[in-house]
Amino acid sequence: MNLADQIRRELSQALEATAAHSLRAPHERYEATSADGAVTAVVSGTRELQSIVFSPRATRDIDNHTLGEDVVEAVLAAERLATDAQQSALGHLTVNGRRISDFASDPQAFVPRIEDFRR
């Protein structure tokens, strides 16, 4: 298989996997709780905040500043879970020997040089 055919095949596989993930992600839920258990946050696979739940003691026993920090902690942890799931689903995909996740930082890396086609 020549390089152009290989790149086309890899791009096709990457697009299929990305499309499948994009359809699933909004319906997936990732939940995390702050270290002290006061706040639980749920985000979708697209990192959209779905809910924040406070434990019964949270609004009664925790000051506003600490409660705010707990909210941030729980939301960030839930977002990390969603990001890890995305990386697990798509992180292995490559085109022209480069990971798809690297595309944003260096789009030119995916463009083969003329000498690559001569091999």
Protein backbone atom coordinates (compact mmCIF):
# COMPACT_ATOMS: atom_id res chain seq x y z
CA MET A 1 0.00 0.00 0.00
CA ASN A 2 1.41 3.39 -0.93
CA LEU A 3 1.61 6.31 1.49
CA ALA A 4 -1.41 8.17 0.08
CA ASP A 5 -3.61 5.07 0.42
CA GLN A 6 -2.33 4.49 3.94
CA ILE A 7 -3.10 8.08 4.95
CA ARG A 8 -6.58 7.83 3.42
CA ARG A 9 -7.25 4.61 5.33
CA GLU A 10 -5.96 6.07 8.61
CA LEU A 11 -8.01 9.25 8.13
CA SER A 12 -11.13 7.23 7.41
CA GLN A 13 -10.64 5.14 10.57
CA ALA A 14 -9.97 8.25 12.64
CA LEU A 15 -13.06 10.01 11.29
CA GLU A 16 -15.27 6.99 11.98
CA ALA A 17 -13.99 6.64 15.55
CA THR A 18 -14.28 10.38 16.18
CA ALA A 19 -17.83 10.50 14.79
CA ALA A 20 -18.89 7.53 16.92
CA HIS A 21 -17.40 9.14 20.02
CA SER A 22 -19.04 12.49 19.19
CA LEU A 23 -22.45 10.83 19.03
CA ARG A 24 -21.97 9.02 22.36
CA ALA A 25 -20.23 11.75 24.35
CA PRO A 26 -23.20 14.05 25.04
CA HIS A 27 -25.09 11.13 26.59
CA GLU A 28 -22.27 9.85 28.78
CA ARG A 29 -22.10 10.98 32.41
CA TYR A 30 -19.02 11.44 34.59
CA GLU A 31 -19.45 12.00 38.30
CA ALA A 32 -16.92 13.13 40.89
CA THR A 33 -17.16 14.17 44.52
CA SER A 34 -15.04 16.65 46.44
CA ALA A 35 -12.53 15.16 48.87
CA ASP A 36 -14.66 16.03 51.88
CA GLY A 37 -17.78 14.53 50.27
CA ALA A 38 -19.70 17.80 50.42
CA VAL A 39 -20.25 18.30 46.68
CA THR A 40 -20.86 15.94 43.77
CA ALA A 41 -20.68 17.17 40.18
CA VAL A 42 -21.83 15.44 37.01
CA VAL A 43 -20.63 16.41 33.54
CA SER A 44 -21.38 14.96 30.12
CA GLY A 45 -18.79 13.43 27.83
CA THR A 46 -18.54 16.85 26.20
CA ARG A 47 -17.71 18.33 29.64
CA GLU A 48 -21.05 20.12 29.90
CA LEU A 49 -22.06 20.53 33.53
CA GLN A 50 -25.19 18.47 34.19
CA SER A 51 -25.68 18.81 37.93
CA ILE A 52 -24.19 19.78 41.25
CA VAL A 53 -25.47 18.08 44.38
CA PHE A 54 -24.68 19.25 47.88
CA SER A 55 -24.61 16.82 50.78
CA PRO A 56 -27.06 17.61 53.60
CA ARG A 57 -24.23 18.92 55.79
CA ALA A 58 -22.68 21.05 53.04
CA THR A 59 -24.92 24.09 53.30
CA ARG A 60 -25.28 23.72 57.05
CA ASP A 61 -21.71 23.13 58.22
CA ILE A 62 -19.39 24.51 55.53
CA ASP A 63 -18.61 28.18 54.96
CA ASN A 64 -19.31 29.68 51.53
CA HIS A 65 -15.67 30.00 50.53
CA THR A 66 -14.89 26.35 51.27
CA LEU A 67 -18.12 25.25 49.62
CA GLY A 68 -17.13 27.15 46.48
CA GLU A 69 -13.74 25.43 46.47
CA ASP A 70 -15.52 22.07 46.84
CA VAL A 71 -17.69 22.87 43.81
CA VAL A 72 -14.64 23.70 41.71
CA GLU A 73 -12.84 20.57 42.91
CA ALA A 74 -15.76 18.29 42.07
CA VAL A 75 -16.41 19.86 38.65
CA LEU A 76 -12.75 19.72 37.65
CA ALA A 77 -12.50 16.09 38.76
CA ALA A 78 -15.59 15.16 36.72
CA GLU A 79 -14.19 16.99 33.69
CA ARG A 80 -10.91 15.07 34.08
CA LEU A 81 -12.88 11.81 33.98
CA ALA A 82 -14.57 12.91 30.75
CA THR A 83 -11.23 13.93 29.25
CA ASP A 84 -9.66 10.61 30.25
CA ALA A 85 -12.54 8.73 28.61
CA GLN A 86 -12.10 10.74 25.42
CA GLN A 87 -8.36 10.07 25.44
CA SER A 88 -9.02 6.37 25.98
CA ALA A 89 -11.46 6.28 23.06
CA LEU A 90 -9.44 8.37 20.61
CA GLY A 91 -5.87 8.64 21.89
CA HIS A 92 -4.61 5.60 19.99
CA LEU A 93 -5.60 6.97 16.56
CA THR A 94 -2.77 7.99 14.24
CA VAL A 95 -2.41 9.47 10.77
CA ASN A 96 0.94 9.40 9.02
CA GLY A 97 2.54 8.17 12.24
CA ARG A 98 1.24 11.09 14.33
CA ARG A 99 -1.39 10.91 17.03
CA ILE A 100 -4.64 12.69 16.18
CA SER A 101 -4.50 14.43 19.56
CA ASP A 102 -1.30 16.18 18.39
CA PHE A 103 -3.10 17.72 15.42
CA ALA A 104 -4.15 20.86 17.28
CA SER A 105 -0.59 21.67 18.31
CA ASP A 106 1.04 20.98 14.93
CA PRO A 107 -1.32 20.56 11.93
CA GLN A 108 1.59 20.59 9.48
CA ALA A 109 2.90 17.37 11.03
CA PHE A 110 0.12 15.49 9.23
CA VAL A 111 1.10 16.77 5.80
CA PRO A 112 3.58 14.38 4.23
CA ARG A 113 6.63 15.76 2.53
CA ILE A 114 7.31 14.99 -1.15
CA GLU A 115 10.18 12.68 -0.21
CA ASP A 116 7.77 10.59 1.92
CA PHE A 117 5.92 9.60 -1.25
CA ARG A 118 9.12 8.49 -2.98
CA ARG A 119 9.67 5.60 -0.57
